[in-house]
Amino acid sequence: MSVDIQPPSCSDEVRNVCDALVQKLSNDVSLFALGTAVSHVVQLTASDDEAAHNLAYYVLSDVALTQKILRLSNSVSYRRVVSTPVTTISRAIFMLGFDTVKTSALAMLLVDSLSNHKHAQSIRAELADALRASLVGRELARRSHYQDAEEASIAALFKNLGRLLVTSHEPASLKQIEELVAAGKHSPAQASALVLGCSFEALAEAVLTEWNIPATIIHALHAVPVGKQRVAGNRQEWMRQVASFSVEASKLLARDDIEVEADGHKLLTHFGVALNLDTKKMHDLFVSVTEEMRVLTESLKLDRADIKTADTGNGIPNVLLMAAMGTDTKVEGFYPSGKPINARDLLLAGVQDVIQMRALGRSKVNELILLVLETLYRSMGFRFATVCLKDIKLSQFRARVALGENHASRQARFAFPMALERDLFHLAMENNTDLMIADASSEKIRDLLPAWHRALLPDARSFIVLPLVVQKVQIGLFYADRVLPALEGLPPDEVALIKALKNQILAALSST
């Protein structure tokens, strides 16, 4: 790695231990994947015009992550302001807020990557500390006047990453460090330097640097000066204070011994002035964090001994089982095609979401398109769904967003010429007619399927094509399919709701 994390006084022997650990972590395939995912999410910022759309799209690309975010969104604590179940990631972001979903997603990625490790039992406590610290940081960020304050929550989440990685990959070294600290002659930083050749913080800094995490977050991991903290003079200093306070507060909240109250007073003395906390404010903060931690722990099933990562196969994600998400809506089952029995209710919820988001005027067209696509995909039990838009430069219609099985590869190849041809897709747009094909194996339908569709989706047996035409101008279309025929058909109320979803997008496009 490019970061030198060895203290000047380290012997060659100790330096070799640290180098070997860093090399081991760098070569871990699962950690590399985690780092790539974390880096991607961290670099999504609320100031970006496409932030909410990009975050939703990222979450939707991971079935397990989608399930967890929806489960969290439908918990009692997070549904205080709404009465209807949250069935789409787009609405979860709209309701919970970009920062909450972003930091929750980071926490979930960390748990998914490490909780199934062979040393899972000892890792679980460290993960809980990290998650709780991130919640403390999030609460403090909400009260801050600094721009992009949620970075402090991310710093708090990764403040103890070094210790977490040693716990998961070098438990013997952790035991040595803890024995040195227990003997009373070394601080944790001194003990880790003796055993590893670097502090936990320096190890975390090296790993996060390898993951291309922004420097502002990495620098926030640095320890604050000993003694009473003054009010920060800038955002970077404030982030260091928040990260340090959050970690200490998290450890305090996990304890139940008789010295907790005294140690809480010491923590308040140390950080109270700097973070504008008094006894009541810190008490209220701890109450809020404790409740959020309970919800997050249940959502991630972190308190269970048999933690298993949710199925991430290529099938349709079964996030429609609302009973498992703690909601009041129950799914009675599915038709043989894969379409949910309660498709009408789910479509209606989607229509209401789009209308609400448009009425509040805070959503861009791209975000609304993703919400409609996600609603169609989930409500109707489709295998693959995409929205195709006109690309003038390439003289073709091509997929811009896709969900479902092999969505990335299919999106890349889902394109067809703008030039009029006598096939199903061009005819739908030319006549501005919504097509809902129950059985694509019929001879008349097969004859109208273009060669590119037969090559890309040869097993599509039922599908919909919803053209987007504004004042006779063809903009594109929604497409979604299944691998089984939809012999149950579409009743008039479901057809009306699907058209209502499309019309909301047409209205949004007309007003831009």
Protein backbone atom coordinates (compact mmCIF):
# COMPACT_ATOMS: atom_id res chain seq x y z
CA MET A 1 0.00 0.00 0.00
CA SER A 2 1.12 3.57 -0.53
CA VAL A 3 0.52 4.79 3.03
CA ASP A 4 3.35 4.50 5.54
CA ILE A 5 1.74 3.76 8.88
CA GLN A 6 4.79 2.75 10.93
CA PRO A 7 5.84 4.89 13.90
CA PRO A 8 9.51 5.99 13.77
CA SER A 9 10.42 3.97 16.85
CA CYS A 10 9.18 0.61 15.51
CA SER A 11 11.70 -2.19 15.30
CA ASP A 12 12.13 -4.08 12.06
CA GLU A 13 10.39 -7.10 13.60
CA VAL A 14 7.30 -5.11 14.58
CA ARG A 15 7.35 -3.25 11.27
CA ASN A 16 7.26 -6.59 9.48
CA VAL A 17 4.20 -7.62 11.49
CA CYS A 18 2.36 -4.49 10.43
CA ASP A 19 3.44 -4.81 6.81
CA ALA A 20 2.29 -8.41 6.75
CA LEU A 21 -1.11 -7.46 8.20
CA VAL A 22 -1.60 -4.65 5.70
CA GLN A 23 -0.62 -6.98 2.85
CA LYS A 24 -3.02 -9.63 4.13
CA LEU A 25 -5.88 -7.13 4.27
CA SER A 26 -5.01 -5.80 0.82
CA ASN A 27 -5.18 -9.27 -0.69
CA ASP A 28 -8.50 -10.21 0.93
CA VAL A 29 -11.03 -10.48 -1.92
CA SER A 30 -14.04 -9.80 0.31
CA LEU A 31 -12.41 -6.69 1.75
CA PHE A 32 -11.56 -5.47 -1.74
CA ALA A 33 -15.22 -5.86 -2.72
CA LEU A 34 -16.29 -4.10 0.47
CA GLY A 35 -13.87 -1.25 -0.20
CA THR A 36 -15.18 -0.80 -3.73
CA ALA A 37 -18.78 -0.68 -2.51
CA VAL A 38 -18.00 1.65 0.40
CA SER A 39 -16.03 4.01 -1.83
CA HIS A 40 -18.91 4.20 -4.30
CA VAL A 41 -21.50 5.02 -1.64
CA VAL A 42 -19.29 7.48 0.26
CA GLN A 43 -18.68 9.51 -2.87
CA LEU A 44 -22.41 9.99 -3.51
CA THR A 45 -23.10 13.48 -2.21
CA ALA A 46 -26.38 15.26 -1.56
CA SER A 47 -25.10 18.29 -3.47
CA ASP A 48 -25.06 16.28 -6.72
CA ASP A 49 -28.16 16.87 -8.87
CA GLU A 50 -28.44 13.12 -9.49
CA ALA A 51 -27.64 12.08 -5.91
CA ALA A 52 -30.98 10.56 -4.88
CA HIS A 53 -31.35 8.79 -8.24
CA ASN A 54 -27.81 7.37 -8.07
CA LEU A 55 -28.19 6.22 -4.46
CA ALA A 56 -31.51 4.53 -5.22
CA TYR A 57 -30.05 2.84 -8.28
CA TYR A 58 -27.04 1.60 -6.31
CA VAL A 59 -29.18 0.17 -3.51
CA LEU A 60 -31.52 -1.49 -6.01
CA SER A 61 -28.57 -3.22 -7.68
CA ASP A 62 -27.99 -5.19 -4.47
CA VAL A 63 -30.90 -7.44 -3.48
CA ALA A 64 -29.75 -7.93 0.12
CA LEU A 65 -29.19 -4.20 0.62
CA THR A 66 -32.60 -3.43 -0.86
CA GLN A 67 -34.28 -5.80 1.57
CA LYS A 68 -32.54 -4.26 4.56
CA ILE A 69 -33.27 -0.65 3.62
CA LEU A 70 -36.95 -1.46 3.07
CA ARG A 71 -37.13 -3.35 6.35
CA LEU A 72 -35.58 -0.36 8.14
CA SER A 73 -37.92 2.06 6.38
CA ASN A 74 -40.93 0.06 7.51
CA SER A 75 -39.90 -0.16 11.16
CA VAL A 76 -42.19 1.63 13.62
CA SER A 77 -39.63 4.30 14.47
CA TYR A 78 -39.07 5.33 10.86
CA ARG A 79 -42.74 5.19 9.85
CA ARG A 80 -43.95 7.68 12.44
CA VAL A 81 -44.90 10.27 9.84
CA VAL A 82 -46.55 7.96 7.29
CA SER A 83 -49.22 5.30 7.58
CA THR A 84 -48.66 3.34 4.37
CA PRO A 85 -45.90 0.76 3.87
CA VAL A 86 -42.73 1.78 2.07
CA THR A 87 -42.37 -0.54 -0.91
CA THR A 88 -39.74 1.27 -3.01
CA ILE A 89 -36.22 2.51 -2.37
CA SER A 90 -37.06 5.77 -4.11
CA ARG A 91 -39.74 6.48 -1.52
CA ALA A 92 -37.45 5.35 1.31
CA ILE A 93 -34.92 8.01 0.27
CA PHE A 94 -37.68 10.57 -0.11
CA MET A 95 -39.12 9.77 3.32
CA LEU A 96 -36.01 9.08 5.40
CA GLY A 97 -33.70 11.49 3.67
CA PHE A 98 -30.63 10.99 1.49
CA ASP A 99 -28.12 11.08 4.36
CA THR A 100 -29.99 8.55 6.50
CA VAL A 101 -30.24 6.01 3.68
CA LYS A 102 -26.64 6.61 2.67
CA THR A 103 -25.15 6.08 6.14
CA SER A 104 -27.50 3.15 6.77
CA ALA A 105 -26.36 1.56 3.51
CA LEU A 106 -22.71 1.93 4.57
CA ALA A 107 -23.45 0.30 7.91
CA MET A 108 -25.27 -2.54 6.17
CA LEU A 109 -22.40 -3.12 3.75
CA LEU A 110 -20.01 -3.37 6.68
CA VAL A 111 -22.25 -5.82 8.53
CA ASP A 112 -22.88 -7.96 5.43
CA SER A 113 -19.16 -8.20 4.72
CA LEU A 114 -17.97 -9.07 8.22
CA SER A 115 -20.80 -10.59 10.23
CA ASN A 116 -20.49 -14.01 8.58
CA HIS A 117 -16.78 -14.21 9.26
CA LYS A 118 -15.44 -17.28 11.06
CA HIS A 119 -14.82 -15.07 14.11
CA ALA A 120 -18.35 -13.66 13.90
CA GLN A 121 -19.10 -13.87 17.63
CA SER A 122 -16.28 -11.52 18.63
CA ILE A 123 -16.79 -9.32 15.57
CA ARG A 124 -20.46 -8.76 16.41
CA ALA A 125 -19.68 -6.60 19.44
CA GLU A 126 -17.22 -4.50 17.42
CA LEU A 127 -19.77 -4.07 14.62
CA ALA A 128 -22.39 -2.98 17.15
CA ASP A 129 -19.98 -0.39 18.56
CA ALA A 130 -19.28 0.95 15.06
CA LEU A 131 -22.97 1.15 14.13
CA ARG A 132 -23.88 2.85 17.40
CA ALA A 133 -21.06 5.36 16.94
CA SER A 134 -22.35 6.19 13.46
CA LEU A 135 -25.81 6.88 14.92
CA VAL A 136 -24.31 9.23 17.51
CA GLY A 137 -22.44 10.98 14.72
CA ARG A 138 -25.61 11.20 12.64
CA GLU A 139 -27.53 12.85 15.49
CA LEU A 140 -24.76 15.41 15.98
CA ALA A 141 -24.57 16.02 12.23
CA ARG A 142 -28.30 16.82 12.14
CA ARG A 143 -27.70 19.65 14.60
CA SER A 144 -24.67 21.03 12.77
CA HIS A 145 -24.50 24.09 10.53
CA TYR A 146 -21.68 22.60 8.46
CA GLN A 147 -22.34 21.55 4.87
CA ASP A 148 -22.20 17.77 4.22
CA ALA A 149 -22.13 17.24 7.98
CA GLU A 150 -23.12 13.59 7.54
CA GLU A 151 -19.47 12.84 6.75
CA ALA A 152 -18.93 12.96 10.51
CA SER A 153 -21.26 10.00 10.87
CA ILE A 154 -19.25 8.10 8.27
CA ALA A 155 -16.02 8.96 10.11
CA ALA A 156 -17.57 7.70 13.34
CA LEU A 157 -18.56 4.45 11.61
CA PHE A 158 -14.99 3.83 10.47
CA LYS A 159 -13.18 5.27 13.50
CA ASN A 160 -12.69 1.77 14.93
CA LEU A 161 -12.24 0.03 11.58
CA GLY A 162 -8.66 -0.87 12.49
CA ARG A 163 -9.71 -2.74 15.62
CA LEU A 164 -12.57 -4.37 13.70
CA LEU A 165 -10.20 -5.67 11.02
CA VAL A 166 -7.73 -6.98 13.58
CA THR A 167 -10.59 -8.72 15.38
CA SER A 168 -11.68 -10.41 12.15
CA HIS A 169 -8.29 -11.21 10.66
CA GLU A 170 -5.76 -11.32 13.54
CA PRO A 171 -7.61 -12.39 16.71
CA ALA A 172 -4.38 -13.64 18.30
CA SER A 173 -2.82 -10.19 17.92
CA LEU A 174 -5.92 -8.59 19.42
CA LYS A 175 -5.65 -10.89 22.42
CA GLN A 176 -2.03 -9.80 22.94
CA ILE A 177 -3.04 -6.14 22.75
CA GLU A 178 -5.84 -6.59 25.25
CA GLU A 179 -3.54 -8.43 27.66
CA LEU A 180 -1.05 -5.54 27.54
CA VAL A 181 -3.80 -3.00 28.19
CA ALA A 182 -5.25 -5.11 31.02
CA ALA A 183 -1.85 -5.19 32.72
CA GLY A 184 -2.20 -1.43 33.16
CA LYS A 185 1.14 -0.34 31.74
CA HIS A 186 0.08 0.50 28.18
CA SER A 187 -2.68 2.49 26.53
CA PRO A 188 -4.54 0.82 23.65
CA ALA A 189 -2.52 2.92 21.18
CA GLN A 190 0.78 1.91 22.79
CA ALA A 191 -0.20 -1.75 23.00
CA SER A 192 -1.31 -1.90 19.36
CA ALA A 193 1.92 -0.18 18.28
CA LEU A 194 3.96 -2.78 20.18
CA VAL A 195 2.10 -5.75 18.74
CA LEU A 196 1.16 -4.52 15.25
CA GLY A 197 3.71 -1.82 14.62
CA CYS A 198 0.96 0.79 14.26
CA SER A 199 -2.09 2.06 16.06
CA PHE A 200 -5.61 0.91 15.20
CA GLU A 201 -6.30 4.40 13.83
CA ALA A 202 -3.26 4.27 11.54
CA LEU A 203 -4.29 0.86 10.26
CA ALA A 204 -7.78 2.16 9.53
CA GLU A 205 -6.28 5.16 7.75
CA ALA A 206 -4.17 2.91 5.54
CA VAL A 207 -7.13 0.73 4.57
CA LEU A 208 -9.48 3.66 3.94
CA THR A 209 -6.81 5.31 1.81
CA GLU A 210 -6.60 2.12 -0.23
CA TRP A 211 -10.39 2.30 -0.60
CA ASN A 212 -10.13 5.86 -1.99
CA ILE A 213 -12.20 7.34 0.84
CA PRO A 214 -12.05 11.19 0.85
CA ALA A 215 -9.22 12.69 2.89
CA THR A 216 -11.65 14.71 5.03
CA ILE A 217 -13.10 11.49 6.44
CA ILE A 218 -9.70 9.86 6.92
CA HIS A 219 -8.30 12.90 8.74
CA ALA A 220 -11.33 12.85 11.05
CA LEU A 221 -10.04 9.54 12.45
CA HIS A 222 -7.09 11.31 14.09
CA ALA A 223 -7.22 11.53 17.87
CA VAL A 224 -8.24 14.81 19.48
CA PRO A 225 -5.98 16.52 22.03
CA VAL A 226 -6.16 15.35 25.62
CA GLY A 227 -8.34 17.44 27.93
CA LYS A 228 -11.35 19.69 27.55
CA GLN A 229 -12.18 20.41 23.90
CA ARG A 230 -12.78 23.94 22.69
CA VAL A 231 -15.33 24.89 20.03
CA ALA A 232 -13.97 23.79 16.67
CA GLY A 233 -12.53 26.49 14.46
CA ASN A 234 -13.37 24.66 11.25
CA ARG A 235 -15.30 21.71 9.81
CA GLN A 236 -12.34 19.31 9.87
CA GLU A 237 -11.67 19.90 13.56
CA TRP A 238 -15.39 19.49 14.33
CA MET A 239 -15.46 16.16 12.46
CA ARG A 240 -12.54 14.87 14.56
CA GLN A 241 -14.38 15.86 17.71
CA VAL A 242 -17.61 14.19 16.58
CA ALA A 243 -15.86 10.97 15.57
CA SER A 244 -13.96 10.75 18.87
CA PHE A 245 -17.02 11.60 20.96
CA SER A 246 -19.20 9.15 19.02
CA VAL A 247 -16.86 6.22 19.62
CA GLU A 248 -16.57 6.97 23.34
CA ALA A 249 -20.33 7.50 23.64
CA SER A 250 -20.98 4.21 21.85
CA LYS A 251 -18.80 2.30 24.30
CA LEU A 252 -20.55 4.03 27.18
CA LEU A 253 -24.00 3.12 25.88
CA ALA A 254 -22.99 -0.54 25.62
CA ARG A 255 -22.07 -0.73 29.31
CA ASP A 256 -24.25 -1.36 32.33
CA ASP A 257 -21.74 -1.18 35.20
CA ILE A 258 -21.94 1.19 38.17
CA GLU A 259 -19.28 3.56 36.81
CA VAL A 260 -21.27 4.51 33.70
CA GLU A 261 -22.71 7.67 35.23
CA ALA A 262 -19.30 8.93 36.37
CA ASP A 263 -17.73 8.16 32.99
CA GLY A 264 -20.63 9.88 31.26
CA HIS A 265 -19.93 13.01 33.28
CA LYS A 266 -16.25 12.84 32.25
CA LEU A 267 -17.26 12.50 28.59
CA LEU A 268 -19.55 15.53 28.89
CA THR A 269 -16.79 17.53 30.56
CA HIS A 270 -14.42 16.61 27.74
CA PHE A 271 -16.74 17.38 24.80
CA GLY A 272 -19.71 19.33 26.15
CA VAL A 273 -18.54 22.84 25.27
CA ALA A 274 -17.15 21.84 21.87
CA LEU A 275 -20.31 20.01 20.75
CA ASN A 276 -22.86 22.23 22.51
CA LEU A 277 -24.01 19.49 24.86
CA ASP A 278 -25.29 19.73 28.41
CA THR A 279 -26.65 17.01 30.68
CA LYS A 280 -30.17 17.12 29.20
CA LYS A 281 -29.01 17.33 25.59
CA MET A 282 -26.66 14.39 26.01
CA HIS A 283 -29.39 12.38 27.75
CA ASP A 284 -31.83 13.10 24.90
CA LEU A 285 -29.11 12.21 22.39
CA PHE A 286 -28.47 8.87 24.10
CA VAL A 287 -32.19 8.03 24.28
CA SER A 288 -32.60 8.72 20.57
CA VAL A 289 -29.49 6.71 19.63
CA THR A 290 -30.53 3.78 21.82
CA GLU A 291 -33.90 3.55 20.05
CA GLU A 292 -32.35 3.91 16.58
CA MET A 293 -29.77 1.27 17.46
CA ARG A 294 -32.53 -1.12 18.53
CA VAL A 295 -34.28 -0.63 15.19
CA LEU A 296 -31.05 -0.99 13.20
CA THR A 297 -30.03 -4.11 15.13
CA GLU A 298 -33.39 -5.71 14.40
CA SER A 299 -33.25 -4.68 10.76
CA LEU A 300 -29.80 -6.19 10.31
CA LYS A 301 -30.55 -9.13 12.64
CA LEU A 302 -27.27 -8.27 14.32
CA ASP A 303 -28.45 -9.68 17.65
CA ARG A 304 -28.90 -13.17 16.24
CA ALA A 305 -26.28 -15.87 16.51
CA ASP A 306 -27.14 -17.27 13.09
CA ILE A 307 -26.67 -14.16 10.97
CA LYS A 308 -26.84 -14.96 7.29
CA THR A 309 -26.63 -12.61 4.37
CA ALA A 310 -29.87 -12.34 2.43
CA ASP A 311 -30.15 -14.15 -0.87
CA THR A 312 -28.42 -12.21 -3.62
CA GLY A 313 -29.29 -14.50 -6.48
CA ASN A 314 -30.52 -13.30 -9.80
CA GLY A 315 -34.18 -14.06 -9.17
CA ILE A 316 -36.83 -11.47 -8.38
CA PRO A 317 -36.01 -10.11 -4.89
CA ASN A 318 -38.76 -11.17 -2.53
CA VAL A 319 -39.01 -7.79 -0.81
CA LEU A 320 -42.76 -7.84 -1.17
CA LEU A 321 -43.19 -10.01 1.91
CA MET A 322 -44.28 -7.06 4.00
CA ALA A 323 -45.04 -9.14 7.05
CA ALA A 324 -41.31 -9.87 7.33
CA MET A 325 -40.60 -6.15 7.14
CA GLY A 326 -42.80 -5.27 10.07
CA THR A 327 -45.58 -3.68 8.05
CA ASP A 328 -49.31 -4.10 8.16
CA THR A 329 -49.72 -5.20 4.55
CA LYS A 330 -49.62 -8.94 3.93
CA VAL A 331 -48.93 -10.61 0.63
CA GLU A 332 -51.24 -13.54 0.07
CA GLY A 333 -49.11 -15.07 -2.65
CA PHE A 334 -48.18 -14.98 -6.31
CA TYR A 335 -49.69 -16.08 -9.57
CA PRO A 336 -47.73 -18.77 -11.47
CA SER A 337 -46.22 -15.99 -13.62
CA GLY A 338 -44.62 -14.43 -10.53
CA LYS A 339 -47.04 -11.52 -10.33
CA PRO A 340 -48.09 -10.74 -6.73
CA ILE A 341 -51.73 -11.36 -5.87
CA ASN A 342 -51.93 -7.87 -4.34
CA ALA A 343 -50.46 -6.12 -7.39
CA ARG A 344 -53.29 -3.59 -7.38
CA ASP A 345 -52.48 -2.39 -3.84
CA LEU A 346 -48.78 -2.10 -4.66
CA LEU A 347 -49.48 -0.19 -7.88
CA LEU A 348 -51.82 2.14 -6.01
CA ALA A 349 -49.14 2.83 -3.40
CA GLY A 350 -46.72 3.65 -6.22
CA VAL A 351 -49.15 6.06 -7.86
CA GLN A 352 -49.68 7.82 -4.53
CA ASP A 353 -45.91 8.07 -4.00
CA VAL A 354 -45.34 9.65 -7.42
CA ILE A 355 -48.20 12.13 -6.94
CA GLN A 356 -46.88 13.10 -3.52
CA MET A 357 -43.31 13.55 -4.74
CA ARG A 358 -44.48 15.67 -7.68
CA ALA A 359 -46.76 17.77 -5.47
CA LEU A 360 -43.92 18.63 -3.10
CA GLY A 361 -41.79 19.65 -6.08
CA ARG A 362 -38.55 18.23 -4.67
CA SER A 363 -38.01 15.44 -7.16
CA LYS A 364 -36.40 15.56 -10.58
CA VAL A 365 -37.75 13.72 -13.62
CA ASN A 366 -35.02 11.06 -13.40
CA GLU A 367 -35.97 10.29 -9.81
CA LEU A 368 -39.64 9.98 -10.74
CA ILE A 369 -38.79 7.70 -13.66
CA LEU A 370 -36.81 5.43 -11.35
CA LEU A 371 -39.69 5.36 -8.85
CA VAL A 372 -42.17 4.35 -11.58
CA LEU A 373 -39.79 1.71 -12.95
CA GLU A 374 -39.23 0.30 -9.46
CA THR A 375 -42.98 0.28 -8.77
CA LEU A 376 -43.71 -1.62 -12.00
CA TYR A 377 -40.87 -4.05 -11.35
CA ARG A 378 -41.96 -4.93 -7.82
CA SER A 379 -45.72 -4.60 -8.10
CA MET A 380 -45.98 -6.83 -11.15
CA GLY A 381 -43.25 -9.34 -10.27
CA PHE A 382 -41.18 -8.71 -13.38
CA ARG A 383 -37.86 -10.45 -14.01
CA PHE A 384 -36.27 -7.49 -15.80
CA ALA A 385 -37.40 -3.88 -16.24
CA THR A 386 -35.90 -0.88 -17.99
CA VAL A 387 -36.67 2.57 -19.33
CA CYS A 388 -35.49 3.32 -22.86
CA LEU A 389 -34.94 6.94 -23.94
CA LYS A 390 -34.07 8.58 -27.23
CA ASP A 391 -30.38 9.23 -27.89
CA ILE A 392 -30.22 11.78 -30.70
CA LYS A 393 -26.45 11.50 -31.15
CA LEU A 394 -26.58 7.74 -31.70
CA SER A 395 -29.93 7.84 -33.54
CA GLN A 396 -31.33 5.13 -31.33
CA PHE A 397 -33.45 4.37 -28.32
CA ARG A 398 -31.36 2.84 -25.55
CA ALA A 399 -31.84 1.69 -21.98
CA ARG A 400 -30.85 4.31 -19.40
CA VAL A 401 -31.85 2.53 -16.18
CA ALA A 402 -32.58 -1.15 -15.57
CA LEU A 403 -33.57 -3.37 -12.65
CA GLY A 404 -33.68 -7.09 -12.09
CA GLU A 405 -31.88 -10.16 -13.33
CA ASN A 406 -28.59 -9.43 -15.14
CA HIS A 407 -29.71 -5.82 -15.35
CA ALA A 408 -26.29 -4.33 -16.10
CA SER A 409 -25.44 -6.54 -19.08
CA ARG A 410 -28.96 -6.37 -20.47
CA GLN A 411 -29.11 -2.61 -20.11
CA ALA A 412 -25.87 -2.26 -22.06
CA ARG A 413 -27.37 -4.21 -25.00
CA PHE A 414 -30.96 -2.99 -24.86
CA ALA A 415 -30.97 -0.53 -27.80
CA PHE A 416 -32.66 -0.22 -31.17
CA PRO A 417 -32.59 2.28 -34.09
CA MET A 418 -34.83 5.33 -34.14
CA ALA A 419 -35.61 4.65 -37.80
CA LEU A 420 -39.17 3.31 -38.10
CA GLU A 421 -39.43 -0.45 -38.56
CA ARG A 422 -42.44 -2.70 -38.47
CA ASP A 423 -41.82 -4.29 -35.10
CA LEU A 424 -43.66 -4.32 -31.81
CA PHE A 425 -41.63 -1.52 -30.19
CA HIS A 426 -41.85 0.97 -33.05
CA LEU A 427 -45.54 0.22 -33.59
CA ALA A 428 -46.28 0.86 -29.90
CA MET A 429 -44.60 4.27 -30.05
CA GLU A 430 -45.94 5.16 -33.49
CA ASN A 431 -49.52 4.50 -32.33
CA ASN A 432 -48.88 5.60 -28.72
CA THR A 433 -50.41 2.33 -27.51
CA ASP A 434 -49.62 0.55 -24.25
CA LEU A 435 -48.94 -3.13 -24.89
CA MET A 436 -49.45 -5.76 -22.20
CA ILE A 437 -48.51 -9.12 -23.68
CA ALA A 438 -49.75 -12.12 -21.71
CA ASP A 439 -48.08 -14.79 -23.87
CA ALA A 440 -45.24 -13.84 -26.20
CA SER A 441 -45.09 -17.33 -27.69
CA SER A 442 -48.12 -16.72 -29.89
CA GLU A 443 -47.28 -16.58 -33.59
CA LYS A 444 -48.58 -13.03 -34.15
CA ILE A 445 -46.43 -11.65 -31.32
CA ARG A 446 -43.33 -13.62 -32.33
CA ASP A 447 -43.50 -12.21 -35.84
CA LEU A 448 -43.44 -8.66 -34.46
CA LEU A 449 -40.48 -9.16 -32.13
CA PRO A 450 -37.28 -7.64 -33.56
CA ALA A 451 -34.14 -9.73 -33.89
CA TRP A 452 -32.29 -7.78 -31.20
CA HIS A 453 -35.02 -8.56 -28.63
CA ARG A 454 -35.11 -12.26 -29.52
CA ALA A 455 -31.32 -12.42 -29.12
CA LEU A 456 -31.19 -10.42 -25.87
CA LEU A 457 -34.28 -11.81 -24.12
CA PRO A 458 -35.10 -15.11 -25.81
CA ASP A 459 -36.94 -16.46 -22.76
CA ALA A 460 -39.32 -13.49 -22.29
CA ARG A 461 -42.84 -14.94 -22.21
CA SER A 462 -44.91 -12.01 -20.91
CA PHE A 463 -44.05 -8.35 -20.99
CA ILE A 464 -45.29 -4.76 -21.15
CA VAL A 465 -44.29 -1.89 -23.43
CA LEU A 466 -45.40 1.58 -22.32
CA PRO A 467 -44.46 4.25 -24.90
CA LEU A 468 -43.53 7.74 -23.71
CA VAL A 469 -44.91 10.16 -26.29
CA VAL A 470 -45.35 13.87 -25.59
CA GLN A 471 -47.24 15.92 -28.21
CA LYS A 472 -46.52 13.25 -30.84
CA VAL A 473 -42.80 13.32 -30.04
CA GLN A 474 -41.46 9.86 -29.23
CA ILE A 475 -39.27 10.10 -26.12
CA GLY A 476 -38.89 6.44 -25.25
CA LEU A 477 -40.66 3.62 -23.44
CA PHE A 478 -40.89 1.46 -20.34
CA TYR A 479 -40.27 -2.26 -20.85
CA ALA A 480 -40.57 -5.11 -18.35
CA ASP A 481 -40.86 -8.89 -18.71
CA ARG A 482 -41.19 -12.28 -17.06
CA VAL A 483 -40.04 -15.75 -18.10
CA LEU A 484 -43.53 -17.21 -17.71
CA PRO A 485 -46.78 -16.29 -19.47
CA ALA A 486 -49.18 -14.10 -17.50
CA LEU A 487 -52.29 -16.15 -18.01
CA GLU A 488 -54.02 -14.37 -15.14
CA GLY A 489 -54.22 -11.27 -17.32
CA LEU A 490 -54.60 -7.67 -16.18
CA PRO A 491 -57.90 -6.51 -14.70
CA PRO A 492 -59.12 -2.99 -15.63
CA ASP A 493 -58.14 -1.43 -12.28
CA GLU A 494 -54.52 -2.59 -12.63
CA VAL A 495 -54.40 -1.36 -16.24
CA ALA A 496 -55.71 2.03 -15.09
CA LEU A 497 -53.05 2.27 -12.36
CA ILE A 498 -50.24 1.35 -14.77
CA LYS A 499 -51.46 4.05 -17.17
CA ALA A 500 -51.66 6.49 -14.25
CA LEU A 501 -48.02 5.81 -13.40
CA LYS A 502 -46.99 6.44 -16.99
CA ASN A 503 -49.11 9.59 -17.20
CA GLN A 504 -47.39 11.05 -14.18
CA ILE A 505 -44.07 10.74 -16.01
CA LEU A 506 -45.55 12.26 -19.16
CA ALA A 507 -46.83 15.18 -17.09
CA ALA A 508 -43.42 15.66 -15.52
CA LEU A 509 -41.73 15.52 -18.93
CA SER A 510 -44.22 18.04 -20.36
CA SER A 511 -43.46 20.53 -17.58
CA THR A 512 -39.69 20.43 -18.03
